[in-house]
Protein backbone atom coordinates (compact mmCIF):
# COMPACT_ATOMS: atom_id res chain seq x y z
CA MET A 1 -15.84 27.48 28.44
CA SER A 2 -16.82 30.35 26.09
CA GLU A 3 -17.73 29.83 22.25
CA VAL A 4 -14.71 31.29 21.52
CA ASP A 5 -12.77 28.78 23.37
CA LEU A 6 -14.74 25.92 22.07
CA GLU A 7 -14.18 26.78 18.50
CA SER A 8 -10.36 27.27 18.69
CA VAL A 9 -10.07 23.86 20.60
CA SER A 10 -12.49 22.03 18.08
CA SER A 11 -9.86 23.95 15.15
CA GLN A 12 -6.75 22.52 17.18
CA ALA A 13 -8.25 18.98 16.77
CA GLU A 14 -9.02 19.36 13.03
CA GLY A 15 -5.70 20.93 12.55
CA ASP A 16 -3.72 18.21 14.62
CA GLU A 17 -5.55 14.84 12.76
CA VAL A 18 -4.46 16.96 9.34
CA GLU A 19 -0.91 16.57 10.32
CA ASP A 20 -1.35 13.18 11.73
CA ARG A 21 -2.88 12.33 8.21
CA ALA A 22 0.27 14.07 6.63
CA VAL A 23 2.46 12.38 8.90
CA LEU A 24 1.05 8.71 8.40
CA GLY A 25 0.86 9.37 4.47
CA ARG A 26 4.69 10.11 4.62
CA GLY A 27 5.17 7.38 6.54
CA LEU A 28 3.19 4.98 4.46
CA ALA A 29 4.61 6.26 1.48
CA LYS A 30 8.38 5.42 3.16
CA VAL A 31 7.01 1.92 3.81
CA ARG A 32 5.73 1.50 0.00
CA ARG A 33 8.82 2.90 -1.66
CA ARG A 34 10.82 0.06 0.36
CA ARG A 35 8.61 -2.58 -0.48
CA TRP A 36 9.21 -1.84 -4.35
CA LEU A 37 12.60 -2.02 -3.74
CA LEU A 38 12.09 -5.19 -2.50
CA TRP A 39 9.78 -6.19 -5.42
CA SER A 40 12.47 -4.80 -7.97
CA VAL A 41 15.23 -7.13 -6.56
CA LEU A 42 13.15 -9.91 -6.61
CA ILE A 43 12.04 -9.53 -10.48
CA VAL A 44 15.67 -8.52 -11.18
CA TYR A 45 16.23 -12.55 -10.23
CA LEU A 46 14.79 -14.36 -13.84
CA PRO A 47 16.62 -11.90 -16.56
CA THR A 48 19.62 -11.95 -14.41
CA MET A 49 19.92 -15.44 -14.30
CA TRP A 50 18.44 -15.86 -17.39
CA THR A 51 21.18 -13.72 -19.05
CA THR A 52 24.35 -15.41 -17.06
CA GLN A 53 23.43 -17.99 -18.37
CA LYS A 54 23.51 -17.32 -22.27
CA ILE A 55 26.88 -15.27 -21.69
CA THR A 56 28.37 -18.33 -19.76
CA HIS A 57 26.86 -21.33 -20.40
CA SER A 58 27.75 -22.83 -17.12
CA PHE A 59 26.00 -23.26 -13.78
CA ASN A 60 29.11 -22.94 -11.99
CA ASP A 61 30.50 -19.60 -13.89
CA SER A 62 26.85 -18.06 -12.88
CA LEU A 63 27.11 -18.44 -9.08
CA PRO A 64 28.96 -15.78 -8.28
CA VAL A 65 25.51 -13.37 -10.11
CA PHE A 66 23.82 -15.61 -7.86
CA PHE A 67 25.66 -14.67 -4.76
CA ILE A 68 25.59 -11.09 -5.78
CA TRP A 69 22.22 -11.10 -6.12
CA PHE A 70 21.22 -12.73 -2.76
CA LEU A 71 23.05 -10.75 -1.13
CA VAL A 72 21.49 -7.68 -2.58
CA LEU A 73 18.29 -9.22 -1.28
CA LEU A 74 19.20 -10.06 1.58
CA ALA A 75 20.21 -6.37 2.21
CA VAL A 76 17.32 -4.92 0.86
CA MET A 77 14.88 -7.88 2.68
CA ALA A 78 16.76 -6.05 6.13
CA PHE A 79 16.27 -2.52 4.82
CA SER A 80 12.73 -2.80 4.42
CA ALA A 81 12.14 -4.85 7.33
CA VAL A 82 12.96 -2.32 9.73
CA VAL A 83 11.11 0.65 8.32
CA ARG A 84 8.47 1.78 11.26
CA CYS A 85 4.88 2.34 11.24
CA PRO A 86 3.74 6.09 11.11
CA ARG A 87 0.91 5.33 13.54
CA CYS A 88 1.98 2.78 16.28
CA GLY A 89 6.53 2.75 16.08
CA ASN A 90 6.67 -0.47 15.76
CA TYR A 91 7.77 -2.14 12.72
CA PHE A 92 5.74 -2.36 9.75
CA HIS A 93 6.69 -6.23 8.79
CA VAL A 94 8.13 -7.68 12.28
CA ASN A 95 6.67 -9.12 14.70
CA GLY A 96 9.20 -10.38 17.27
CA MET A 97 11.33 -12.69 15.56
CA ILE A 98 8.49 -13.17 12.62
CA LEU A 99 8.73 -11.28 9.23
CA LEU A 100 5.56 -11.17 7.20
CA TYR A 101 5.20 -8.54 4.35
CA LEU A 102 1.42 -8.08 4.77
CA ARG A 103 -0.36 -5.01 3.83
CA ASN A 104 -1.15 -4.28 7.17
CA CYS A 105 1.20 -2.96 9.99
CA LEU A 106 1.45 -6.43 12.48
CA HIS A 107 0.83 -4.35 15.50
CA CYS A 108 -1.95 -1.54 14.88
CA GLN A 109 -3.45 -2.87 11.29
CA LEU A 110 -2.74 0.43 10.08
CA HIS A 111 -3.26 -0.18 5.72
CA LEU A 112 -0.63 0.10 3.60
CA THR A 113 -2.62 2.64 1.38
CA ALA A 114 -4.60 4.28 4.24
CA ASP A 115 -3.97 7.31 3.29
CA LYS A 116 -5.04 7.16 -0.37
CA LYS A 117 -8.32 5.93 0.85
CA TRP A 118 -8.41 9.26 2.74
CA ARG A 119 -7.60 11.58 -0.01
CA GLY A 120 -9.87 9.49 -2.12
CA ALA A 121 -12.84 10.10 0.47
CA ALA A 122 -12.09 13.59 0.65
CA SER A 123 -12.22 14.42 -2.85
CA LYS A 124 -15.20 12.71 -3.52
CA PRO A 125 -18.36 15.24 -4.54
CA SER A 126 -20.13 16.36 -1.65
CA PRO A 127 -24.38 15.73 -1.71
CA PRO A 128 -26.56 18.44 -3.31
CA GLU A 129 -28.23 20.80 -1.42
CA GLY A 130 -30.88 19.65 0.24
CA GLY A 131 -29.68 16.42 2.07
CA THR A 132 -28.96 13.11 -0.22
CA ALA A 133 -27.37 12.70 -3.50
CA ILE A 134 -29.45 11.10 -6.17
CA LYS A 135 -28.08 7.72 -7.65
CA LEU A 136 -29.14 6.60 -10.91
CA THR A 137 -29.24 2.90 -11.96
CA ILE A 138 -29.81 1.63 -15.15
CA THR A 139 -31.45 -1.35 -15.79
CA ALA A 140 -31.27 -3.77 -19.27
CA ASN A 141 -34.03 -5.17 -20.85
CA ILE A 142 -33.40 -8.91 -20.62
CA ALA A 143 -37.23 -10.21 -21.97
CA HIS A 144 -35.48 -12.12 -24.92
CA LEU A 145 -33.63 -14.06 -22.68
CA ASP A 146 -36.66 -15.50 -21.09
CA LYS A 147 -37.15 -17.28 -24.33
CA PRO A 148 -35.65 -21.00 -24.80
CA PRO A 149 -33.21 -21.79 -27.12
CA PRO A 150 -34.36 -22.74 -30.37
CA PRO A 151 -34.12 -26.74 -30.59
């Protein structure tokens, strides 16, 4: 292979990686949106039931509100459970019959915020010319701590 062929192959590989990161980023954003929707429904429960109790002053009269909330919860859980992992294509939160809302894919272990970590790594400044970055550390003078406390 000539140098030109090698350069085109390497640029294609870099382009694929950038495109894959973009696809993974969109897929992970979809997973995060559905998880936030689930958390929103869960958080709405207490204020809704408190308001219902204040209005109706009866447990039996607040049951329809509870059942409506429960049906919405089931629908949102199903909606968030069937989101697919952008890397492996399996369900992100479901493995077999087990539904687990973990922060990693249950199949390929892709982390929920992997795309944010990539962006953070890309935005870090590069070390200065000459090789190594200079890291400054500040130490506190703790000589006064060596003295025993007054009696």
